[in-house]
Amino acid sequence: MVASGSAGEGLRNSLHHRGQRLTPQRHRVLDLFERTGEGTHLSAEQVHQRLLRDRARVSLATVYRTLRLLSSMGLLLELELPEGGRRFELASDAHRDHHHLVCIRCGRTEEFENPGVLAAGQAAADGRGFRLLECVLNVRAVCPRCAADEALELEGPA
């Protein structure tokens, strides 16, 4: 499947200016994110598995390289998880200043918006003479399912 709309054309133009080609693998990775939509946070392994399910012939190493390239081009955003993992999501100007709740046990990631966080970021930048580009907060937490599992583990056998 071909990446649709301006993102696919933007990718083609950006790669051309960098002296690189729009390979089928790069196209497939971007298309996957466009199909899953904003707010979907995928690891390289998850991207690889979904591409394999779509019968795409692509190696995990190629997926890693492509994700790094698309992130460096601003087409994907990279979310670094506290335990060393990384998740990627489709970049969007309309959804730029959002924040993440990240479960430290299972990696579940949910987005939220909070004007107070953005105001605090703007005030900090203004107070120090910086120009705010984006304001992103990652909150480490334990999701309800993992919290329930922890409670069961603490109770032990009955």
N, C-alpha and C. Protein backbone atom coordinates (compact mmCIF):
# COMPACT_ATOMS: atom_id res chain seq x y z
N MET A 1 0.84 -1.17 0.00
CA MET A 1 0.00 0.00 0.00
C MET A 1 0.89 1.24 0.00
N VAL A 2 0.47 2.27 -0.64
CA VAL A 2 1.26 3.49 -0.78
C VAL A 2 0.82 4.50 0.25
N ALA A 3 1.78 5.19 0.84
CA ALA A 3 1.46 6.25 1.80
C ALA A 3 0.63 7.30 1.09
N SER A 4 -0.41 7.74 1.76
CA SER A 4 -1.34 8.64 1.10
C SER A 4 -1.07 10.09 1.45
N GLY A 5 -1.64 10.97 0.65
CA GLY A 5 -1.66 12.38 0.96
C GLY A 5 -0.31 13.04 1.05
N SER A 6 -0.30 14.14 1.80
CA SER A 6 0.89 14.98 1.87
C SER A 6 2.05 14.33 2.62
N ALA A 7 1.77 13.43 3.57
CA ALA A 7 2.87 12.80 4.31
C ALA A 7 3.71 11.95 3.38
N GLY A 8 3.07 11.18 2.50
CA GLY A 8 3.80 10.37 1.54
C GLY A 8 4.61 11.23 0.59
N GLU A 9 4.02 12.30 0.12
CA GLU A 9 4.72 13.22 -0.77
C GLU A 9 5.83 13.95 -0.02
N GLY A 10 5.56 14.33 1.25
CA GLY A 10 6.59 14.97 2.07
C GLY A 10 7.77 14.05 2.30
N LEU A 11 7.49 12.77 2.51
CA LEU A 11 8.56 11.79 2.69
C LEU A 11 9.39 11.69 1.43
N ARG A 12 8.74 11.58 0.30
CA ARG A 12 9.45 11.47 -0.98
C ARG A 12 10.34 12.68 -1.19
N ASN A 13 9.82 13.89 -0.96
CA ASN A 13 10.61 15.12 -1.16
C ASN A 13 11.77 15.21 -0.18
N SER A 14 11.51 14.89 1.10
CA SER A 14 12.58 14.95 2.10
C SER A 14 13.70 13.98 1.79
N LEU A 15 13.34 12.77 1.40
CA LEU A 15 14.35 11.78 1.06
C LEU A 15 15.15 12.22 -0.16
N HIS A 16 14.45 12.76 -1.15
CA HIS A 16 15.12 13.22 -2.37
C HIS A 16 16.15 14.30 -2.03
N HIS A 17 15.78 15.24 -1.15
CA HIS A 17 16.71 16.31 -0.76
C HIS A 17 17.90 15.76 0.02
N ARG A 18 17.73 14.63 0.68
CA ARG A 18 18.82 14.00 1.42
C ARG A 18 19.62 13.04 0.55
N GLY A 19 19.24 12.93 -0.72
CA GLY A 19 19.95 12.03 -1.62
C GLY A 19 19.62 10.57 -1.38
N GLN A 20 18.44 10.31 -0.81
CA GLN A 20 18.03 8.94 -0.53
C GLN A 20 16.76 8.60 -1.32
N ARG A 21 16.50 7.29 -1.41
CA ARG A 21 15.34 6.82 -2.16
C ARG A 21 14.17 6.55 -1.22
N LEU A 22 12.99 6.58 -1.79
CA LEU A 22 11.79 6.15 -1.08
C LEU A 22 11.64 4.66 -1.36
N THR A 23 12.20 3.85 -0.47
CA THR A 23 12.16 2.40 -0.65
C THR A 23 10.77 1.88 -0.28
N PRO A 24 10.42 0.71 -0.78
CA PRO A 24 9.12 0.12 -0.39
C PRO A 24 8.99 -0.06 1.12
N GLN A 25 10.11 -0.41 1.78
CA GLN A 25 10.06 -0.60 3.23
C GLN A 25 9.75 0.71 3.95
N ARG A 26 10.36 1.80 3.53
CA ARG A 26 10.10 3.10 4.16
C ARG A 26 8.65 3.50 3.94
N HIS A 27 8.18 3.24 2.74
CA HIS A 27 6.78 3.54 2.41
C HIS A 27 5.84 2.75 3.30
N ARG A 28 6.12 1.47 3.47
CA ARG A 28 5.25 0.60 4.27
C ARG A 28 5.21 1.01 5.73
N VAL A 29 6.36 1.40 6.28
CA VAL A 29 6.39 1.81 7.69
C VAL A 29 5.56 3.08 7.88
N LEU A 30 5.76 4.07 7.05
CA LEU A 30 4.98 5.31 7.18
C LEU A 30 3.50 5.03 6.96
N ASP A 31 3.18 4.20 5.97
CA ASP A 31 1.79 3.86 5.70
C ASP A 31 1.15 3.18 6.90
N LEU A 32 1.89 2.31 7.57
CA LEU A 32 1.36 1.64 8.76
C LEU A 32 0.95 2.66 9.82
N PHE A 33 1.80 3.65 10.06
CA PHE A 33 1.46 4.68 11.05
C PHE A 33 0.29 5.53 10.59
N GLU A 34 0.22 5.83 9.30
CA GLU A 34 -0.91 6.60 8.80
C GLU A 34 -2.21 5.83 8.94
N ARG A 35 -2.17 4.52 8.72
CA ARG A 35 -3.38 3.69 8.86
C ARG A 35 -3.80 3.54 10.32
N THR A 36 -2.85 3.44 11.23
CA THR A 36 -3.20 3.28 12.64
C THR A 36 -3.62 4.60 13.27
N GLY A 37 -3.14 5.71 12.71
CA GLY A 37 -3.59 7.03 13.14
C GLY A 37 -2.85 7.59 14.33
N GLU A 38 -3.20 8.82 14.65
CA GLU A 38 -2.57 9.52 15.76
C GLU A 38 -2.88 8.82 17.07
N GLY A 39 -1.95 8.91 18.00
CA GLY A 39 -2.18 8.37 19.32
C GLY A 39 -1.80 6.91 19.47
N THR A 40 -1.33 6.28 18.40
CA THR A 40 -0.88 4.89 18.47
C THR A 40 0.62 4.89 18.70
N HIS A 41 1.05 4.21 19.74
CA HIS A 41 2.46 4.17 20.12
C HIS A 41 2.97 2.76 19.90
N LEU A 42 3.84 2.58 18.92
CA LEU A 42 4.33 1.26 18.55
C LEU A 42 5.83 1.15 18.76
N SER A 43 6.26 0.00 19.24
CA SER A 43 7.69 -0.29 19.33
C SER A 43 8.15 -0.79 17.96
N ALA A 44 9.46 -0.85 17.77
CA ALA A 44 10.00 -1.37 16.51
C ALA A 44 9.55 -2.81 16.29
N GLU A 45 9.52 -3.58 17.36
CA GLU A 45 9.09 -4.98 17.27
C GLU A 45 7.63 -5.08 16.84
N GLN A 46 6.78 -4.20 17.39
CA GLN A 46 5.37 -4.21 17.02
C GLN A 46 5.20 -3.81 15.56
N VAL A 47 5.96 -2.80 15.10
CA VAL A 47 5.91 -2.40 13.69
C VAL A 47 6.30 -3.59 12.82
N HIS A 48 7.38 -4.24 13.19
CA HIS A 48 7.87 -5.39 12.42
C HIS A 48 6.81 -6.49 12.35
N GLN A 49 6.20 -6.83 13.48
CA GLN A 49 5.18 -7.87 13.50
C GLN A 49 3.98 -7.51 12.64
N ARG A 50 3.54 -6.26 12.70
CA ARG A 50 2.39 -5.83 11.88
C ARG A 50 2.71 -5.88 10.40
N LEU A 51 3.93 -5.49 10.05
CA LEU A 51 4.33 -5.56 8.64
C LEU A 51 4.39 -7.01 8.17
N LEU A 52 4.89 -7.89 9.00
CA LEU A 52 4.93 -9.30 8.63
C LEU A 52 3.51 -9.86 8.45
N ARG A 53 2.58 -9.44 9.31
CA ARG A 53 1.19 -9.87 9.17
C ARG A 53 0.59 -9.39 7.85
N ASP A 54 1.05 -8.21 7.39
CA ASP A 54 0.60 -7.66 6.11
C ASP A 54 1.36 -8.27 4.94
N ARG A 55 2.19 -9.27 5.24
CA ARG A 55 2.99 -9.99 4.24
C ARG A 55 4.08 -9.12 3.60
N ALA A 56 4.53 -8.11 4.34
CA ALA A 56 5.64 -7.28 3.87
C ALA A 56 6.94 -8.00 4.21
N ARG A 57 7.85 -8.02 3.28
CA ARG A 57 9.15 -8.64 3.52
C ARG A 57 10.11 -7.54 3.96
N VAL A 58 10.33 -7.49 5.27
CA VAL A 58 11.19 -6.45 5.84
C VAL A 58 11.84 -7.01 7.10
N SER A 59 13.12 -6.72 7.28
CA SER A 59 13.83 -7.21 8.46
C SER A 59 13.63 -6.26 9.63
N LEU A 60 13.84 -6.78 10.83
CA LEU A 60 13.74 -5.94 12.02
C LEU A 60 14.79 -4.83 11.99
N ALA A 61 15.98 -5.13 11.50
CA ALA A 61 17.03 -4.11 11.40
C ALA A 61 16.60 -2.96 10.48
N THR A 62 15.93 -3.29 9.39
CA THR A 62 15.43 -2.26 8.47
C THR A 62 14.36 -1.42 9.15
N VAL A 63 13.51 -2.06 9.93
CA VAL A 63 12.48 -1.32 10.66
C VAL A 63 13.13 -0.32 11.62
N TYR A 64 14.13 -0.76 12.38
CA TYR A 64 14.83 0.15 13.30
C TYR A 64 15.43 1.33 12.55
N ARG A 65 16.13 1.07 11.45
CA ARG A 65 16.74 2.16 10.67
C ARG A 65 15.68 3.11 10.13
N THR A 66 14.59 2.55 9.64
CA THR A 66 13.52 3.37 9.06
C THR A 66 12.85 4.23 10.13
N LEU A 67 12.60 3.67 11.30
CA LEU A 67 12.00 4.45 12.38
C LEU A 67 12.90 5.61 12.79
N ARG A 68 14.20 5.36 12.90
CA ARG A 68 15.14 6.45 13.24
C ARG A 68 15.12 7.53 12.15
N LEU A 69 15.13 7.11 10.88
CA LEU A 69 15.12 8.07 9.78
C LEU A 69 13.84 8.90 9.78
N LEU A 70 12.68 8.25 9.89
CA LEU A 70 11.40 8.97 9.88
C LEU A 70 11.27 9.89 11.08
N SER A 71 11.86 9.50 12.21
CA SER A 71 11.87 10.39 13.39
C SER A 71 12.75 11.60 13.15
N SER A 72 13.92 11.38 12.57
CA SER A 72 14.83 12.50 12.31
C SER A 72 14.24 13.48 11.30
N MET A 73 13.34 12.99 10.46
CA MET A 73 12.70 13.85 9.46
C MET A 73 11.45 14.55 10.01
N GLY A 74 11.07 14.21 11.25
CA GLY A 74 9.90 14.84 11.86
C GLY A 74 8.58 14.23 11.46
N LEU A 75 8.59 13.08 10.78
CA LEU A 75 7.35 12.42 10.40
C LEU A 75 6.81 11.52 11.50
N LEU A 76 7.71 11.04 12.35
CA LEU A 76 7.32 10.26 13.52
C LEU A 76 7.91 10.92 14.76
N LEU A 77 7.24 10.75 15.88
CA LEU A 77 7.77 11.21 17.17
C LEU A 77 8.22 9.98 17.93
N GLU A 78 9.35 10.12 18.63
CA GLU A 78 9.90 9.02 19.39
C GLU A 78 9.68 9.27 20.88
N LEU A 79 9.10 8.31 21.55
CA LEU A 79 8.85 8.38 22.98
C LEU A 79 9.79 7.39 23.65
N GLU A 80 10.68 7.91 24.49
CA GLU A 80 11.62 7.04 25.19
C GLU A 80 11.01 6.63 26.52
N LEU A 81 10.87 5.33 26.71
CA LEU A 81 10.28 4.82 27.93
C LEU A 81 11.33 4.71 29.02
N PRO A 82 10.93 4.80 30.28
CA PRO A 82 11.88 4.80 31.39
C PRO A 82 12.77 3.55 31.43
N GLU A 83 12.27 2.42 31.02
CA GLU A 83 13.04 1.19 31.11
C GLU A 83 13.87 0.92 29.86
N GLY A 84 14.07 1.94 29.04
CA GLY A 84 14.95 1.81 27.89
C GLY A 84 14.26 1.49 26.58
N GLY A 85 12.99 1.20 26.61
CA GLY A 85 12.27 0.94 25.37
C GLY A 85 11.91 2.23 24.65
N ARG A 86 11.54 2.10 23.42
CA ARG A 86 11.12 3.26 22.65
C ARG A 86 9.83 2.93 21.93
N ARG A 87 8.97 3.93 21.82
CA ARG A 87 7.73 3.82 21.08
C ARG A 87 7.71 4.96 20.07
N PHE A 88 7.03 4.75 18.98
CA PHE A 88 6.95 5.75 17.92
C PHE A 88 5.49 6.03 17.63
N GLU A 89 5.22 7.29 17.25
CA GLU A 89 3.86 7.68 16.87
C GLU A 89 3.95 8.67 15.72
N LEU A 90 2.86 8.77 14.99
CA LEU A 90 2.77 9.68 13.86
C LEU A 90 2.83 11.11 14.37
N ALA A 91 3.67 11.93 13.77
CA ALA A 91 3.78 13.34 14.16
C ALA A 91 2.62 14.12 13.58
N SER A 92 2.16 15.12 14.32
CA SER A 92 1.06 15.96 13.86
C SER A 92 1.16 17.33 14.50
N ASP A 93 1.09 18.37 13.70
CA ASP A 93 1.10 19.72 14.25
C ASP A 93 -0.14 20.00 15.09
N ALA A 94 -1.27 19.39 14.71
CA ALA A 94 -2.52 19.62 15.43
C ALA A 94 -2.50 18.96 16.80
N HIS A 95 -1.62 18.00 17.00
CA HIS A 95 -1.59 17.23 18.25
C HIS A 95 -0.18 17.29 18.84
N ARG A 96 0.42 18.48 18.79
CA ARG A 96 1.83 18.63 19.13
C ARG A 96 2.10 18.58 20.62
N ASP A 97 1.39 19.33 21.41
CA ASP A 97 1.67 19.44 22.85
C ASP A 97 0.79 18.48 23.64
N HIS A 98 1.16 17.22 23.60
CA HIS A 98 0.43 16.24 24.40
C HIS A 98 1.41 15.51 25.29
N HIS A 99 0.88 14.81 26.25
CA HIS A 99 1.68 14.19 27.28
C HIS A 99 1.35 12.70 27.35
N HIS A 100 2.16 11.95 28.06
CA HIS A 100 1.99 10.51 28.10
C HIS A 100 2.00 9.97 29.53
N LEU A 101 1.07 9.08 29.80
CA LEU A 101 1.10 8.25 31.00
C LEU A 101 1.70 6.93 30.55
N VAL A 102 2.79 6.51 31.18
CA VAL A 102 3.49 5.29 30.77
C VAL A 102 3.56 4.34 31.95
N CYS A 103 3.00 3.15 31.78
CA CYS A 103 3.07 2.13 32.82
C CYS A 103 4.50 1.58 32.86
N ILE A 104 5.10 1.62 34.04
CA ILE A 104 6.49 1.17 34.16
C ILE A 104 6.61 -0.35 34.15
N ARG A 105 5.49 -1.05 34.26
CA ARG A 105 5.55 -2.52 34.24
C ARG A 105 5.31 -3.07 32.84
N CYS A 106 4.23 -2.66 32.18
CA CYS A 106 3.86 -3.27 30.89
C CYS A 106 4.12 -2.37 29.69
N GLY A 107 4.43 -1.09 29.94
CA GLY A 107 4.70 -0.18 28.84
C GLY A 107 3.48 0.45 28.22
N ARG A 108 2.29 0.12 28.72
CA ARG A 108 1.06 0.73 28.19
C ARG A 108 1.23 2.24 28.22
N THR A 109 0.86 2.88 27.13
CA THR A 109 1.05 4.33 26.99
C THR A 109 -0.26 4.98 26.59
N GLU A 110 -0.67 5.97 27.34
CA GLU A 110 -1.88 6.71 27.02
C GLU A 110 -1.55 8.19 26.99
N GLU A 111 -2.18 8.88 26.06
CA GLU A 111 -1.96 10.33 25.91
C GLU A 111 -2.96 11.11 26.74
N PHE A 112 -2.54 12.30 27.15
CA PHE A 112 -3.46 13.24 27.75
C PHE A 112 -2.97 14.65 27.44
N GLU A 113 -3.89 15.59 27.52
CA GLU A 113 -3.55 17.00 27.32
C GLU A 113 -3.87 17.75 28.60
N ASN A 114 -3.05 18.74 28.90
CA ASN A 114 -3.25 19.51 30.10
C ASN A 114 -2.73 20.92 29.87
N PRO A 115 -3.63 21.89 29.81
CA PRO A 115 -3.19 23.28 29.57
C PRO A 115 -2.25 23.81 30.65
N GLY A 116 -2.37 23.30 31.87
CA GLY A 116 -1.50 23.74 32.96
C GLY A 116 -0.04 23.37 32.71
N VAL A 117 0.18 22.19 32.15
CA VAL A 117 1.55 21.77 31.83
C VAL A 117 2.12 22.67 30.75
N LEU A 118 1.32 22.95 29.73
CA LEU A 118 1.76 23.83 28.65
C LEU A 118 2.06 25.24 29.19
N ALA A 119 1.21 25.74 30.07
CA ALA A 119 1.43 27.07 30.66
C ALA A 119 2.72 27.09 31.48
N ALA A 120 2.96 26.01 32.24
CA ALA A 120 4.19 25.94 33.04
C ALA A 120 5.42 25.90 32.14
N GLY A 121 5.35 25.16 31.05
CA GLY A 121 6.46 25.11 30.10
C GLY A 121 6.70 26.46 29.46
N GLN A 122 5.62 27.14 29.09
CA GLN A 122 5.75 28.47 28.48
C GLN A 122 6.35 29.46 29.47
N ALA A 123 5.89 29.41 30.71
CA ALA A 123 6.41 30.33 31.73
C ALA A 123 7.90 30.06 31.99
N ALA A 124 8.28 28.80 32.04
CA ALA A 124 9.69 28.46 32.27
C ALA A 124 10.55 28.96 31.11
N ALA A 125 10.07 28.76 29.88
CA ALA A 125 10.83 29.22 28.71
C ALA A 125 10.92 30.75 28.70
N ASP A 126 9.79 31.42 28.91
CA ASP A 126 9.77 32.88 28.91
C ASP A 126 10.69 33.46 29.98
N GLY A 127 10.66 32.87 31.17
CA GLY A 127 11.45 33.36 32.29
C GLY A 127 12.95 33.24 32.08
N ARG A 128 13.34 32.40 31.17
CA ARG A 128 14.77 32.18 30.91
C ARG A 128 15.18 32.62 29.51
N GLY A 129 14.26 33.30 28.82
CA GLY A 129 14.57 33.83 27.49
C GLY A 129 14.57 32.79 26.38
N PHE A 130 13.95 31.65 26.62
CA PHE A 130 13.87 30.60 25.60
C PHE A 130 12.62 30.78 24.76
N ARG A 131 12.63 30.22 23.57
CA ARG A 131 11.43 30.17 22.72
C ARG A 131 10.92 28.73 22.77
N LEU A 132 9.71 28.54 23.30
CA LEU A 132 9.14 27.21 23.46
C LEU A 132 8.82 26.59 22.11
N LEU A 133 9.30 25.38 21.88
CA LEU A 133 9.02 24.65 20.66
C LEU A 133 7.91 23.62 20.88
N GLU A 134 8.00 22.92 21.96
CA GLU A 134 6.96 21.96 22.32
C GLU A 134 7.04 21.71 23.81
N CYS A 135 5.97 21.20 24.36
CA CYS A 135 5.94 20.92 25.78
C CYS A 135 5.39 19.50 25.94
N VAL A 136 6.25 18.59 26.37
CA VAL A 136 5.88 17.18 26.49
C VAL A 136 6.25 16.70 27.88
N LEU A 137 5.31 16.05 28.53
CA LEU A 137 5.54 15.49 29.85
C LEU A 137 5.29 13.99 29.79
N ASN A 138 6.21 13.21 30.31
CA ASN A 138 6.02 11.76 30.42
C ASN A 138 5.87 11.43 31.90
N VAL A 139 4.73 10.88 32.25
CA VAL A 139 4.43 10.52 33.62
C VAL A 139 4.58 9.02 33.79
N ARG A 140 5.50 8.63 34.66
CA ARG A 140 5.70 7.20 34.95
C ARG A 140 4.69 6.81 36.01
N ALA A 141 3.99 5.72 35.74
CA ALA A 141 2.93 5.28 36.65
C ALA A 141 2.77 3.77 36.51
N VAL A 142 1.79 3.23 37.21
CA VAL A 142 1.42 1.83 37.07
C VAL A 142 -0.04 1.82 36.64
N CYS A 143 -0.32 1.15 35.52
CA CYS A 143 -1.68 1.12 34.98
C CYS A 143 -2.59 0.30 35.90
N PRO A 144 -3.90 0.44 35.77
CA PRO A 144 -4.83 -0.30 36.65
C PRO A 144 -4.63 -1.82 36.61
N ARG A 145 -4.39 -2.39 35.43
CA ARG A 145 -4.22 -3.84 35.34
C ARG A 145 -2.97 -4.30 36.10
N CYS A 146 -1.85 -3.58 35.92
CA CYS A 146 -0.62 -3.95 36.62
C CYS A 146 -0.75 -3.71 38.12
N ALA A 147 -1.47 -2.66 38.51
CA ALA A 147 -1.69 -2.39 39.93
C ALA A 147 -2.49 -3.52 40.56
N ALA A 148 -3.50 -4.03 39.84
CA ALA A 148 -4.29 -5.15 40.34
C ALA A 148 -3.42 -6.41 40.46
N ASP A 149 -2.56 -6.62 39.45
CA ASP A 149 -1.64 -7.78 39.51
C ASP A 149 -0.70 -7.66 40.70
N GLU A 150 -0.20 -6.45 40.98
CA GLU A 150 0.69 -6.24 42.12
C GLU A 150 -0.03 -6.55 43.42
N ALA A 151 -1.30 -6.11 43.53
CA ALA A 151 -2.08 -6.35 44.74
C ALA A 151 -2.25 -7.86 44.95
N LEU A 152 -2.52 -8.59 43.88
CA LEU A 152 -2.68 -10.05 43.99
C LEU A 152 -1.37 -10.70 44.43
N GLU A 153 -0.25 -10.21 43.89
CA GLU A 153 1.05 -10.77 44.26
C GLU A 153 1.35 -10.53 45.74
N LEU A 154 0.96 -9.35 46.26
CA LEU A 154 1.21 -9.03 47.66
C LEU A 154 0.35 -9.86 48.60
N GLU A 155 -0.89 -10.19 48.15
CA GLU A 155 -1.77 -10.99 48.98
C GLU A 155 -1.24 -12.41 49.12
N GLY A 156 -0.61 -12.91 48.07
CA GLY A 156 -0.07 -14.27 48.10
C GLY A 156 -1.18 -15.31 48.07
N PRO A 157 -0.78 -16.57 48.25
CA PRO A 157 -1.78 -17.65 48.21
C PRO A 157 -2.70 -17.56 49.43
N ALA A 158 -3.96 -17.90 49.20
CA ALA A 158 -4.95 -17.82 50.27
C ALA A 158 -4.90 -18.99 51.20
